[in-house]
């Protein structure tokens, strides 16, 4: 019985360790140079925003098999990466899942709110009409980038005006300056009216956002 239990615990530890090492890292990045090489192509990217996981640098190299190239890939994309655990002299090196760029590269739509607009809404000295963001389909990856408010920024997205209660917040971005910009994932949100509320030392207040799909 003890032997069987030991085997089970060993297998569990092994599987947990393997899953931890194979966790997908998600980043929004712009391609600097396309894939080059022989059997393994290596492309270089400038990271715009880390969506999930951590990276060693804001400029990374990504490997994939040449026959798994994503033809006509967008310059800016959502990348699914895994950490390369083999021996290599290449710094800041990652790979697409199964070395397949078609699995690793996803098209992404980016929308932006700039600092001056938000400050105008906060102070009442600028034009603060509700913003409307439009997507072409309900299933496209879609992220909203917002301005940093200072050394620390907290932004909540809700259906409520004013500061939402914790259970009213649909999404919350709470970051330091080094992790800017704050972002919301709009991908799975329904069309309609939303409110973003910011608390920060250099910027704050609320803006209204309208999401619309036009297929």
N, C-alpha and C. Protein backbone atom coordinates (compact mmCIF):
# COMPACT_ATOMS: atom_id res chain seq x y z
N UNK A 1 0.83 -1.20 0.00
CA UNK A 1 0.00 0.00 0.00
C UNK A 1 0.87 1.27 0.00
N UNK A 2 1.94 1.28 0.88
CA UNK A 2 2.83 2.42 0.93
C UNK A 2 3.56 2.61 -0.39
N UNK A 3 3.93 1.48 -1.04
CA UNK A 3 4.62 1.55 -2.32
C UNK A 3 3.73 2.19 -3.38
N UNK A 4 2.46 1.76 -3.41
CA UNK A 4 1.49 2.30 -4.38
C UNK A 4 1.29 3.80 -4.15
N UNK A 5 1.17 4.19 -2.88
CA UNK A 5 0.96 5.60 -2.55
C UNK A 5 2.17 6.44 -2.98
N UNK A 6 3.36 5.88 -2.77
CA UNK A 6 4.58 6.59 -3.17
C UNK A 6 4.62 6.81 -4.67
N UNK A 7 4.24 5.79 -5.44
CA UNK A 7 4.20 5.90 -6.90
C UNK A 7 3.23 6.98 -7.34
N UNK A 8 2.03 7.00 -6.72
CA UNK A 8 1.01 7.98 -7.08
C UNK A 8 1.49 9.39 -6.79
N UNK A 9 2.11 9.59 -5.61
CA UNK A 9 2.60 10.91 -5.24
C UNK A 9 3.73 11.36 -6.17
N UNK A 10 4.58 10.41 -6.57
CA UNK A 10 5.67 10.73 -7.49
C UNK A 10 5.14 11.17 -8.85
N UNK A 11 4.14 10.44 -9.34
CA UNK A 11 3.54 10.78 -10.63
C UNK A 11 2.86 12.14 -10.56
N UNK A 12 2.17 12.39 -9.45
CA UNK A 12 1.48 13.67 -9.29
C UNK A 12 2.46 14.82 -9.30
N UNK A 13 3.56 14.66 -8.57
CA UNK A 13 4.61 15.70 -8.53
C UNK A 13 5.19 15.94 -9.91
N UNK A 14 5.46 14.86 -10.64
CA UNK A 14 6.02 14.96 -12.00
C UNK A 14 5.09 15.70 -12.93
N UNK A 15 3.78 15.33 -12.87
CA UNK A 15 2.81 15.95 -13.76
C UNK A 15 2.61 17.42 -13.42
N UNK A 16 2.58 17.74 -12.13
CA UNK A 16 2.41 19.13 -11.72
C UNK A 16 3.59 19.97 -12.17
N UNK A 17 4.80 19.43 -12.02
CA UNK A 17 6.00 20.14 -12.45
C UNK A 17 5.99 20.37 -13.95
N UNK A 18 5.58 19.35 -14.70
CA UNK A 18 5.53 19.48 -16.16
C UNK A 18 4.54 20.51 -16.61
N UNK A 19 3.36 20.55 -15.95
CA UNK A 19 2.35 21.52 -16.32
C UNK A 19 2.83 22.94 -16.01
N UNK A 20 3.52 23.08 -14.87
CA UNK A 20 4.00 24.41 -14.50
C UNK A 20 5.00 24.93 -15.53
N UNK A 21 5.85 24.04 -16.06
CA UNK A 21 6.85 24.45 -17.03
C UNK A 21 6.25 24.70 -18.41
N UNK A 22 5.06 24.12 -18.66
CA UNK A 22 4.45 24.25 -19.97
C UNK A 22 3.32 25.27 -20.00
N UNK A 23 3.17 26.04 -18.92
CA UNK A 23 2.15 27.07 -18.90
C UNK A 23 2.38 28.06 -20.04
N UNK A 24 1.31 28.42 -20.72
CA UNK A 24 1.41 29.33 -21.85
C UNK A 24 1.59 30.77 -21.36
N UNK A 25 2.51 31.47 -21.97
CA UNK A 25 2.70 32.90 -21.75
C UNK A 25 2.00 33.62 -22.89
N UNK A 26 1.19 34.64 -22.57
CA UNK A 26 0.47 35.38 -23.59
C UNK A 26 0.96 36.83 -23.59
N UNK A 27 1.35 37.32 -24.77
CA UNK A 27 1.81 38.70 -24.89
C UNK A 27 1.27 39.31 -26.17
N UNK A 28 1.08 40.61 -26.12
CA UNK A 28 0.79 41.38 -27.34
C UNK A 28 2.11 41.98 -27.78
N UNK A 29 2.50 41.71 -29.01
CA UNK A 29 3.84 42.11 -29.46
C UNK A 29 3.84 42.50 -30.93
N UNK A 30 4.83 43.32 -31.30
CA UNK A 30 5.01 43.76 -32.68
C UNK A 30 6.28 43.11 -33.23
N UNK A 31 6.18 42.55 -34.42
CA UNK A 31 7.33 41.88 -35.02
C UNK A 31 8.40 42.89 -35.44
N UNK A 32 9.64 42.61 -35.02
CA UNK A 32 10.78 43.44 -35.42
C UNK A 32 11.44 42.86 -36.67
N UNK A 33 11.64 41.54 -36.66
CA UNK A 33 12.22 40.88 -37.83
C UNK A 33 11.54 39.53 -38.02
N UNK A 34 11.28 39.11 -39.26
CA UNK A 34 10.60 37.85 -39.52
C UNK A 34 11.49 36.65 -39.21
N UNK A 35 10.87 35.46 -39.22
CA UNK A 35 11.61 34.24 -38.93
C UNK A 35 12.73 33.98 -39.92
N UNK A 36 13.90 33.65 -39.40
CA UNK A 36 15.04 33.33 -40.23
C UNK A 36 15.76 32.13 -39.64
N UNK A 37 16.39 31.33 -40.50
CA UNK A 37 17.14 30.17 -40.04
C UNK A 37 17.06 29.04 -41.03
N UNK A 38 17.33 27.83 -40.57
CA UNK A 38 17.25 26.66 -41.44
C UNK A 38 16.04 25.83 -41.04
N UNK A 39 16.21 24.82 -40.21
CA UNK A 39 15.07 24.02 -39.76
C UNK A 39 14.21 24.80 -38.79
N UNK A 40 14.87 25.50 -37.84
CA UNK A 40 14.15 26.34 -36.88
C UNK A 40 14.27 27.80 -37.32
N UNK A 41 13.13 28.42 -37.56
CA UNK A 41 13.11 29.85 -37.82
C UNK A 41 13.02 30.58 -36.47
N UNK A 42 13.70 31.72 -36.38
CA UNK A 42 13.63 32.54 -35.18
C UNK A 42 13.23 33.95 -35.56
N UNK A 43 12.08 34.39 -35.04
CA UNK A 43 11.60 35.75 -35.28
C UNK A 43 11.84 36.60 -34.03
N UNK A 44 11.94 37.89 -34.23
CA UNK A 44 12.17 38.80 -33.10
C UNK A 44 10.97 39.72 -32.93
N UNK A 45 10.57 39.94 -31.67
CA UNK A 45 9.38 40.74 -31.37
C UNK A 45 9.68 41.78 -30.28
N UNK A 46 8.99 42.91 -30.38
CA UNK A 46 8.99 43.91 -29.32
C UNK A 46 7.68 43.75 -28.55
N UNK A 47 7.78 43.50 -27.26
CA UNK A 47 6.60 43.24 -26.44
C UNK A 47 5.90 44.55 -26.11
N UNK A 48 4.61 44.61 -26.40
CA UNK A 48 3.80 45.79 -26.07
C UNK A 48 3.16 45.62 -24.70
N UNK A 49 2.64 44.42 -24.42
CA UNK A 49 1.98 44.16 -23.15
C UNK A 49 2.00 42.67 -22.85
N UNK A 50 2.39 42.33 -21.63
CA UNK A 50 2.30 40.94 -21.16
C UNK A 50 0.90 40.73 -20.62
N UNK A 51 0.17 39.81 -21.24
CA UNK A 51 -1.21 39.51 -20.82
C UNK A 51 -1.24 38.44 -19.74
N UNK A 52 -0.35 37.46 -19.86
CA UNK A 52 -0.30 36.36 -18.89
C UNK A 52 1.13 35.86 -18.77
N UNK A 53 1.59 35.63 -17.53
CA UNK A 53 2.92 35.10 -17.31
C UNK A 53 3.96 36.20 -17.18
N UNK A 54 5.22 35.82 -17.25
CA UNK A 54 6.32 36.78 -17.13
C UNK A 54 7.35 36.52 -18.22
N UNK A 55 8.08 37.58 -18.58
CA UNK A 55 9.14 37.50 -19.58
C UNK A 55 10.45 38.01 -19.00
N UNK A 56 11.53 37.68 -19.67
CA UNK A 56 12.84 38.12 -19.22
C UNK A 56 13.22 39.49 -19.77
N UNK A 57 12.54 39.93 -20.84
CA UNK A 57 12.91 41.20 -21.47
C UNK A 57 11.73 41.69 -22.31
N UNK A 58 11.79 42.95 -22.75
CA UNK A 58 10.71 43.46 -23.60
C UNK A 58 11.01 43.27 -25.08
N UNK A 59 12.17 42.72 -25.40
CA UNK A 59 12.48 42.27 -26.76
C UNK A 59 12.81 40.79 -26.68
N UNK A 60 12.07 39.98 -27.43
CA UNK A 60 12.23 38.52 -27.32
C UNK A 60 12.42 37.89 -28.69
N UNK A 61 12.95 36.68 -28.68
CA UNK A 61 13.10 35.87 -29.89
C UNK A 61 12.23 34.64 -29.74
N UNK A 62 11.56 34.25 -30.83
CA UNK A 62 10.62 33.14 -30.78
C UNK A 62 10.93 32.14 -31.89
N UNK A 63 11.06 30.87 -31.54
CA UNK A 63 11.40 29.83 -32.50
C UNK A 63 10.21 28.99 -32.93
N UNK A 64 10.27 28.50 -34.18
CA UNK A 64 9.23 27.60 -34.71
C UNK A 64 9.81 26.89 -35.93
N UNK A 65 9.20 25.74 -36.29
CA UNK A 65 9.64 25.00 -37.47
C UNK A 65 9.27 25.78 -38.73
N UNK A 66 10.15 25.77 -39.70
CA UNK A 66 9.94 26.56 -40.91
C UNK A 66 8.66 26.15 -41.65
N UNK A 67 8.29 24.88 -41.55
CA UNK A 67 7.10 24.40 -42.27
C UNK A 67 5.80 24.71 -41.51
N UNK A 68 5.93 25.28 -40.30
CA UNK A 68 4.76 25.71 -39.53
C UNK A 68 4.65 27.23 -39.49
N UNK A 69 5.15 27.87 -40.53
CA UNK A 69 5.11 29.34 -40.57
C UNK A 69 3.69 29.84 -40.78
N UNK A 70 3.37 30.97 -40.15
CA UNK A 70 2.07 31.62 -40.32
C UNK A 70 2.21 32.58 -41.50
N UNK A 71 1.64 32.22 -42.64
CA UNK A 71 1.74 33.06 -43.83
C UNK A 71 0.93 34.33 -43.65
N UNK A 72 1.51 35.46 -44.05
CA UNK A 72 0.85 36.77 -43.96
C UNK A 72 0.40 37.08 -42.54
N UNK A 73 1.24 36.75 -41.58
CA UNK A 73 0.93 37.03 -40.18
C UNK A 73 0.90 38.53 -39.94
N UNK A 74 0.02 39.01 -39.06
CA UNK A 74 -0.02 40.46 -38.77
C UNK A 74 1.25 40.90 -38.05
N UNK A 75 1.65 42.14 -38.27
CA UNK A 75 2.84 42.68 -37.61
C UNK A 75 2.66 42.71 -36.09
N UNK A 76 1.47 43.13 -35.65
CA UNK A 76 1.15 43.15 -34.23
C UNK A 76 0.14 42.04 -33.96
N UNK A 77 0.44 41.19 -32.98
CA UNK A 77 -0.39 40.01 -32.75
C UNK A 77 -0.39 39.61 -31.29
N UNK A 78 -1.32 38.74 -30.94
CA UNK A 78 -1.33 38.09 -29.63
C UNK A 78 -0.54 36.80 -29.77
N UNK A 79 0.55 36.67 -29.01
CA UNK A 79 1.43 35.51 -29.11
C UNK A 79 1.22 34.57 -27.93
N UNK A 80 1.13 33.28 -28.23
CA UNK A 80 1.11 32.23 -27.22
C UNK A 80 2.49 31.59 -27.21
N UNK A 81 3.17 31.66 -26.09
CA UNK A 81 4.56 31.22 -26.00
C UNK A 81 4.75 30.20 -24.89
N UNK A 82 5.80 29.40 -25.02
CA UNK A 82 6.26 28.57 -23.93
C UNK A 82 7.75 28.82 -23.74
N UNK A 83 8.20 28.66 -22.52
CA UNK A 83 9.62 28.87 -22.23
C UNK A 83 10.44 27.71 -22.79
N UNK A 84 11.53 28.03 -23.47
CA UNK A 84 12.43 26.99 -23.99
C UNK A 84 13.32 26.51 -22.85
N UNK A 85 13.30 25.19 -22.62
CA UNK A 85 14.04 24.62 -21.48
C UNK A 85 15.32 23.90 -21.90
N UNK A 86 15.64 23.88 -23.20
CA UNK A 86 16.85 23.21 -23.66
C UNK A 86 18.06 24.12 -23.57
N UNK A 87 19.17 23.64 -24.08
CA UNK A 87 20.41 24.42 -24.09
C UNK A 87 20.43 25.34 -25.30
N UNK A 88 20.71 26.59 -25.07
CA UNK A 88 20.82 27.55 -26.17
C UNK A 88 21.65 28.75 -25.72
N UNK A 89 22.37 29.35 -26.66
CA UNK A 89 23.12 30.56 -26.39
C UNK A 89 22.30 31.80 -26.73
N UNK A 90 21.11 31.58 -27.31
CA UNK A 90 20.22 32.68 -27.67
C UNK A 90 19.54 33.22 -26.41
N UNK A 91 19.67 34.51 -26.17
CA UNK A 91 19.06 35.11 -24.98
C UNK A 91 17.60 35.48 -25.23
N UNK A 92 16.82 35.50 -24.15
CA UNK A 92 15.41 35.90 -24.21
C UNK A 92 14.67 35.09 -25.29
N UNK A 93 14.86 33.78 -25.24
CA UNK A 93 14.37 32.88 -26.29
C UNK A 93 13.16 32.08 -25.81
N UNK A 94 12.11 32.08 -26.63
CA UNK A 94 10.88 31.33 -26.36
C UNK A 94 10.49 30.57 -27.62
N UNK A 95 9.49 29.69 -27.51
CA UNK A 95 9.01 28.96 -28.67
C UNK A 95 7.49 29.01 -28.72
N UNK A 96 6.95 28.87 -29.93
CA UNK A 96 5.51 28.71 -30.06
C UNK A 96 5.15 27.27 -29.66
N UNK A 97 3.92 27.02 -29.18
CA UNK A 97 3.53 25.65 -28.81
C UNK A 97 3.75 24.68 -29.97
N UNK A 98 4.42 23.57 -29.69
CA UNK A 98 4.75 22.55 -30.70
C UNK A 98 5.58 23.14 -31.85
N UNK A 99 6.27 24.23 -31.60
CA UNK A 99 7.06 24.92 -32.64
C UNK A 99 6.18 25.30 -33.84
N UNK A 100 4.92 25.61 -33.57
CA UNK A 100 3.95 25.88 -34.64
C UNK A 100 3.50 27.33 -34.54
N UNK A 101 3.92 28.15 -35.49
CA UNK A 101 3.54 29.56 -35.48
C UNK A 101 2.04 29.75 -35.68
N UNK A 102 1.39 28.80 -36.35
CA UNK A 102 -0.05 28.91 -36.57
C UNK A 102 -0.82 28.72 -35.27
N UNK A 103 -0.23 28.01 -34.31
CA UNK A 103 -0.83 27.88 -32.99
C UNK A 103 -0.44 29.05 -32.08
N UNK A 104 0.69 29.65 -32.37
CA UNK A 104 1.23 30.67 -31.49
C UNK A 104 0.82 32.09 -31.81
N UNK A 105 0.41 32.34 -33.05
CA UNK A 105 0.08 33.71 -33.46
C UNK A 105 -1.42 33.85 -33.65
N UNK A 106 -2.00 34.83 -32.98
CA UNK A 106 -3.43 35.13 -33.14
C UNK A 106 -3.60 36.60 -33.50
N UNK A 107 -4.54 36.87 -34.37
CA UNK A 107 -4.83 38.26 -34.71
C UNK A 107 -5.45 38.95 -33.50
N UNK A 108 -5.19 40.23 -33.36
CA UNK A 108 -5.69 40.97 -32.21
C UNK A 108 -6.08 42.38 -32.62
N UNK A 109 -7.13 42.88 -32.02
CA UNK A 109 -7.57 44.26 -32.24
C UNK A 109 -7.22 45.07 -30.99
N UNK A 110 -6.61 46.23 -31.19
CA UNK A 110 -6.23 47.09 -30.08
C UNK A 110 -6.99 48.42 -30.18
N UNK A 111 -7.54 48.85 -29.04
CA UNK A 111 -8.18 50.16 -28.94
C UNK A 111 -7.49 50.94 -27.83
N UNK A 112 -7.56 52.28 -27.90
CA UNK A 112 -6.77 53.10 -27.00
C UNK A 112 -7.58 54.27 -26.44
N UNK A 113 -7.29 54.62 -25.19
CA UNK A 113 -7.78 55.85 -24.58
C UNK A 113 -6.55 56.66 -24.20
N UNK A 114 -6.45 57.91 -24.67
CA UNK A 114 -5.23 58.67 -24.39
C UNK A 114 -5.36 59.50 -23.12
N UNK A 115 -4.21 59.95 -22.64
CA UNK A 115 -4.12 60.67 -21.36
C UNK A 115 -4.92 61.96 -21.39
N UNK A 116 -4.77 62.74 -22.46
CA UNK A 116 -5.42 64.06 -22.54
C UNK A 116 -6.93 63.94 -22.47
N UNK A 117 -7.47 62.91 -23.15
CA UNK A 117 -8.93 62.73 -23.11
C UNK A 117 -9.38 62.44 -21.69
N UNK A 118 -8.70 61.51 -21.01
CA UNK A 118 -9.11 61.13 -19.66
C UNK A 118 -8.96 62.32 -18.70
N UNK A 119 -7.88 63.09 -18.86
CA UNK A 119 -7.67 64.25 -18.01
C UNK A 119 -8.76 65.29 -18.24
N UNK A 120 -9.19 65.43 -19.49
CA UNK A 120 -10.27 66.36 -19.80
C UNK A 120 -11.57 65.96 -19.12
N UNK A 121 -11.81 64.65 -19.05
CA UNK A 121 -13.00 64.15 -18.35
C UNK A 121 -12.89 64.40 -16.85
N UNK A 122 -11.67 64.23 -16.32
CA UNK A 122 -11.46 64.41 -14.89
C UNK A 122 -11.62 65.87 -14.47
N UNK A 123 -11.04 66.78 -15.24
CA UNK A 123 -11.04 68.19 -14.86
C UNK A 123 -12.27 68.94 -15.36
N UNK A 124 -12.96 68.37 -16.35
CA UNK A 124 -14.09 69.07 -16.94
C UNK A 124 -13.68 70.15 -17.91
N UNK A 125 -12.38 70.21 -18.24
CA UNK A 125 -11.87 71.25 -19.14
C UNK A 125 -11.67 70.76 -20.56
N UNK A 126 -12.01 69.52 -20.82
CA UNK A 126 -11.84 68.98 -22.17
C UNK A 126 -13.11 68.31 -22.64
N UNK A 127 -13.12 67.97 -23.91
CA UNK A 127 -14.28 67.27 -24.46
C UNK A 127 -14.33 65.85 -23.91
N UNK A 128 -15.48 65.49 -23.36
CA UNK A 128 -15.60 64.19 -22.69
C UNK A 128 -16.83 63.44 -23.19
N UNK A 129 -16.99 63.40 -24.50
CA UNK A 129 -18.08 62.61 -25.05
C UNK A 129 -17.79 61.12 -24.85
N UNK A 130 -18.84 60.29 -24.65
CA UNK A 130 -18.62 58.85 -24.50
C UNK A 130 -17.86 58.29 -25.70
N UNK A 131 -16.96 57.36 -25.43
CA UNK A 131 -16.17 56.74 -26.49
C UNK A 131 -16.89 55.50 -27.03
N UNK A 132 -16.84 55.32 -28.34
CA UNK A 132 -17.42 54.14 -28.96
C UNK A 132 -16.32 53.35 -29.66
N UNK A 133 -16.20 52.09 -29.32
CA UNK A 133 -15.22 51.20 -29.93
C UNK A 133 -15.98 50.12 -30.70
N UNK A 134 -15.54 49.87 -31.94
CA UNK A 134 -16.27 48.96 -32.83
C UNK A 134 -15.39 47.78 -33.22
N UNK A 135 -15.96 46.58 -33.15
CA UNK A 135 -15.27 45.37 -33.61
C UNK A 135 -16.03 44.79 -34.80
N UNK A 136 -15.36 43.94 -35.56
CA UNK A 136 -15.97 43.37 -36.76
C UNK A 136 -16.56 41.99 -36.53
N UNK A 137 -16.27 41.37 -35.39
CA UNK A 137 -16.87 40.06 -35.07
C UNK A 137 -16.84 39.86 -33.56
N UNK A 138 -17.68 38.95 -33.07
CA UNK A 138 -17.79 38.70 -31.64
C UNK A 138 -16.67 37.84 -31.08
N UNK A 139 -15.89 37.20 -31.97
CA UNK A 139 -14.90 36.25 -31.47
C UNK A 139 -13.45 36.71 -31.68
N UNK A 140 -13.23 37.96 -32.08
CA UNK A 140 -11.86 38.42 -32.28
C UNK A 140 -11.25 38.86 -30.94
N UNK A 141 -9.95 38.61 -30.80
CA UNK A 141 -9.23 39.08 -29.62
C UNK A 141 -9.22 40.60 -29.63
N UNK A 142 -9.57 41.19 -28.48
CA UNK A 142 -9.75 42.65 -28.44
C UNK A 142 -9.30 43.18 -27.09
N UNK A 143 -8.37 44.12 -27.09
CA UNK A 143 -7.84 44.68 -25.85
C UNK A 143 -7.91 46.20 -25.88
N UNK A 144 -8.25 46.78 -24.72
CA UNK A 144 -8.30 48.23 -24.58
C UNK A 144 -7.12 48.69 -23.74
N UNK A 145 -6.32 49.61 -24.29
CA UNK A 145 -5.16 50.18 -23.61
C UNK A 145 -5.54 51.55 -23.05
N UNK A 146 -5.20 51.77 -21.78
CA UNK A 146 -5.54 53.03 -21.12
C UNK A 146 -4.27 53.73 -20.64
N UNK A 147 -4.35 55.03 -20.34
CA UNK A 147 -3.15 55.74 -19.89
C UNK A 147 -2.76 55.36 -18.46
N UNK A 148 -1.48 55.51 -18.15
CA UNK A 148 -1.02 55.34 -16.78
C UNK A 148 -1.37 56.58 -15.98
N UNK A 149 -1.72 56.38 -14.72
CA UNK A 149 -2.09 57.53 -13.89
C UNK A 149 -1.03 57.96 -12.91
N UNK A 150 0.11 57.26 -12.90
CA UNK A 150 1.18 57.61 -11.97
C UNK A 150 2.00 56.41 -11.58
N UNK A 151 2.58 56.45 -10.40
CA UNK A 151 3.42 55.33 -9.94
C UNK A 151 2.61 54.07 -9.71
N UNK A 152 1.33 54.24 -9.40
CA UNK A 152 0.42 53.10 -9.24
C UNK A 152 -0.93 53.50 -9.83
N UNK A 153 -1.53 52.59 -10.57
CA UNK A 153 -2.80 52.88 -11.24
C UNK A 153 -3.77 51.73 -11.02
N UNK A 154 -4.99 52.07 -10.63
CA UNK A 154 -6.06 51.08 -10.51
C UNK A 154 -7.23 51.53 -11.37
N UNK A 155 -7.66 50.67 -12.27
CA UNK A 155 -8.80 50.99 -13.14
C UNK A 155 -9.79 49.84 -13.06
N UNK A 156 -11.05 50.17 -12.86
CA UNK A 156 -12.10 49.16 -12.82
C UNK A 156 -13.07 49.39 -13.97
N UNK A 157 -13.61 48.31 -14.49
CA UNK A 157 -14.61 48.36 -15.55
C UNK A 157 -15.90 47.77 -15.00
N UNK A 158 -16.99 48.51 -15.18
CA UNK A 158 -18.27 48.04 -14.64
C UNK A 158 -19.42 48.63 -15.45
N UNK A 159 -20.61 48.28 -15.04
CA UNK A 159 -21.82 48.85 -15.62
C UNK A 159 -22.35 50.01 -14.77
N UNK A 160 -21.61 50.35 -13.71
CA UNK A 160 -22.07 51.35 -12.74
C UNK A 160 -21.34 52.66 -12.92
N UNK A 161 -22.01 53.77 -12.63
CA UNK A 161 -21.34 55.06 -12.56
C UNK A 161 -20.69 55.20 -11.19
N UNK A 162 -19.63 55.98 -11.12
CA UNK A 162 -18.92 56.15 -9.87
C UNK A 162 -18.01 54.97 -9.58
N UNK A 163 -17.49 54.94 -8.35
CA UNK A 163 -16.60 53.86 -7.96
C UNK A 163 -17.43 52.60 -7.71
N UNK A 164 -17.20 51.53 -8.48
CA UNK A 164 -18.02 50.33 -8.30
C UNK A 164 -17.62 49.56 -7.04
N UNK A 165 -18.59 48.87 -6.46
CA UNK A 165 -18.28 47.95 -5.37
C UNK A 165 -17.51 46.77 -5.94
N UNK A 166 -16.84 46.03 -5.06
CA UNK A 166 -15.98 44.94 -5.51
C UNK A 166 -16.75 43.94 -6.36
N UNK A 167 -18.00 43.63 -5.98
CA UNK A 167 -18.78 42.64 -6.72
C UNK A 167 -19.41 43.20 -7.98
N UNK A 168 -19.27 44.51 -8.20
CA UNK A 168 -19.82 45.14 -9.40
C UNK A 168 -18.77 45.28 -10.50
N UNK A 169 -17.50 45.12 -10.16
CA UNK A 169 -16.42 45.28 -11.13
C UNK A 169 -16.36 44.07 -12.06
N UNK A 170 -16.42 44.32 -13.36
CA UNK A 170 -16.31 43.26 -14.37
C UNK A 170 -14.85 42.89 -14.56
N UNK A 171 -14.00 43.89 -14.61
CA UNK A 171 -12.55 43.69 -14.69
C UNK A 171 -11.85 44.76 -13.86
N UNK A 172 -10.65 44.42 -13.40
CA UNK A 172 -9.86 45.37 -12.61
C UNK A 172 -8.40 45.25 -13.00
N UNK A 173 -7.78 46.38 -13.31
CA UNK A 173 -6.36 46.42 -13.63
C UNK A 173 -5.67 47.25 -12.56
N UNK A 174 -4.80 46.60 -11.77
CA UNK A 174 -4.13 47.26 -10.65
C UNK A 174 -2.63 47.05 -10.84
N UNK A 175 -1.93 48.08 -11.30
CA UNK A 175 -0.54 47.89 -11.73
C UNK A 175 0.36 49.02 -11.25
N UNK A 176 1.67 48.75 -11.23
CA UNK A 176 2.67 49.78 -10.97
C UNK A 176 3.08 50.40 -12.31
N UNK A 177 3.88 51.46 -12.23
CA UNK A 177 4.27 52.16 -13.45
C UNK A 177 5.05 51.25 -14.41
N UNK A 178 5.85 50.34 -13.86
CA UNK A 178 6.66 49.46 -14.71
C UNK A 178 5.82 48.48 -15.51
N UNK A 179 4.58 48.27 -15.10
CA UNK A 179 3.68 47.34 -15.81
C UNK A 179 2.70 48.05 -16.73
N UNK A 180 2.85 49.37 -16.86
CA UNK A 180 1.94 50.12 -17.72
C UNK A 180 2.06 49.66 -19.17
N UNK A 181 1.01 49.80 -19.95
CA UNK A 181 -0.26 50.46 -19.63
C UNK A 181 -1.27 49.50 -19.01
N UNK A 182 -2.24 50.04 -18.26
CA UNK A 182 -3.34 49.19 -17.80
C UNK A 182 -4.21 48.78 -18.99
N UNK A 183 -4.71 47.57 -18.98
CA UNK A 183 -5.51 47.08 -20.11
C UNK A 183 -6.73 46.32 -19.62
N UNK A 184 -7.74 46.32 -20.46
CA UNK A 184 -8.91 45.46 -20.28
C UNK A 184 -9.02 44.52 -21.46
N UNK A 185 -9.42 43.29 -21.19
CA UNK A 185 -9.69 42.31 -22.24
C UNK A 185 -11.17 42.43 -22.61
N UNK A 186 -11.44 42.98 -23.79
CA UNK A 186 -12.82 43.21 -24.24
C UNK A 186 -13.38 42.03 -25.03
N UNK A 187 -12.57 41.00 -25.25
CA UNK A 187 -12.90 39.92 -26.19
C UNK A 187 -14.28 39.34 -25.96
N UNK A 188 -14.60 38.98 -24.74
CA UNK A 188 -15.85 38.26 -24.45
C UNK A 188 -16.94 39.14 -23.86
N UNK A 189 -16.75 40.45 -23.89
CA UNK A 189 -17.77 41.34 -23.36
C UNK A 189 -18.88 41.57 -24.38
N UNK A 190 -20.09 41.66 -23.90
CA UNK A 190 -21.24 41.92 -24.77
C UNK A 190 -21.25 43.39 -25.18
N UNK A 191 -21.89 43.67 -26.31
CA UNK A 191 -22.07 45.05 -26.73
C UNK A 191 -22.86 45.80 -25.67
N UNK A 192 -22.58 47.10 -25.54
CA UNK A 192 -23.33 47.90 -24.59
C UNK A 192 -22.49 48.98 -23.95
N UNK A 193 -23.05 49.60 -22.91
CA UNK A 193 -22.42 50.73 -22.23
C UNK A 193 -21.67 50.24 -20.99
N UNK A 194 -20.44 50.74 -20.84
CA UNK A 194 -19.60 50.41 -19.69
C UNK A 194 -18.96 51.68 -19.14
N UNK A 195 -18.49 51.60 -17.88
CA UNK A 195 -17.82 52.74 -17.26
C UNK A 195 -16.47 52.28 -16.72
N UNK A 196 -15.43 53.05 -17.02
CA UNK A 196 -14.09 52.78 -16.50
C UNK A 196 -13.76 53.86 -15.48
N UNK A 197 -13.36 53.43 -14.27
CA UNK A 197 -13.05 54.37 -13.20
C UNK A 197 -11.59 54.18 -12.78
N UNK A 198 -10.83 55.29 -12.75
CA UNK A 198 -9.42 55.23 -12.41
C UNK A 198 -9.12 55.92 -11.09
N UNK A 199 -8.25 55.28 -10.30
CA UNK A 199 -7.69 55.87 -9.10
C UNK A 199 -6.17 55.87 -9.25
N UNK A 200 -5.54 57.05 -9.23
CA UNK A 200 -4.09 57.16 -9.37
C UNK A 200 -3.66 58.54 -8.89
N UNK A 201 -2.36 58.70 -8.66
CA UNK A 201 -1.87 59.98 -8.12
C UNK A 201 -1.87 61.10 -9.16
N UNK A 202 -1.80 60.75 -10.45
CA UNK A 202 -1.70 61.78 -11.47
C UNK A 202 -2.89 61.85 -12.41
N UNK A 203 -3.87 60.96 -12.23
CA UNK A 203 -5.03 60.93 -13.13
C UNK A 203 -6.13 60.14 -12.43
N UNK A 204 -7.37 60.49 -12.75
CA UNK A 204 -8.46 59.77 -12.10
C UNK A 204 -9.80 60.08 -12.73
N UNK A 205 -10.84 59.63 -12.07
CA UNK A 205 -12.18 59.87 -12.56
C UNK A 205 -12.70 58.78 -13.47
N UNK A 206 -13.79 59.10 -14.12
CA UNK A 206 -14.54 58.09 -14.87
C UNK A 206 -14.76 58.49 -16.32
N UNK A 207 -14.75 57.49 -17.20
CA UNK A 207 -15.13 57.70 -18.60
C UNK A 207 -16.18 56.67 -18.98
N UNK A 208 -16.94 57.00 -20.01
CA UNK A 208 -17.97 56.09 -20.52
C UNK A 208 -17.49 55.45 -21.81
N UNK A 209 -17.70 54.13 -21.92
CA UNK A 209 -17.25 53.37 -23.09
C UNK A 209 -18.42 52.60 -23.67
N UNK A 210 -18.59 52.66 -24.97
CA UNK A 210 -19.65 51.89 -25.65
C UNK A 210 -19.01 50.89 -26.61
N UNK A 211 -19.37 49.63 -26.47
CA UNK A 211 -18.85 48.58 -27.35
C UNK A 211 -19.92 48.19 -28.37
N UNK A 212 -19.48 48.09 -29.63
CA UNK A 212 -20.41 47.79 -30.72
C UNK A 212 -19.77 46.79 -31.68
N UNK A 213 -20.57 45.85 -32.18
CA UNK A 213 -20.12 44.89 -33.16
C UNK A 213 -20.83 45.15 -34.48
N UNK A 214 -20.03 45.31 -35.55
CA UNK A 214 -20.59 45.48 -36.89
C UNK A 214 -19.94 44.45 -37.79
N UNK A 215 -20.62 43.35 -38.02
CA UNK A 215 -20.05 42.26 -38.82
C UNK A 215 -20.26 42.54 -40.31
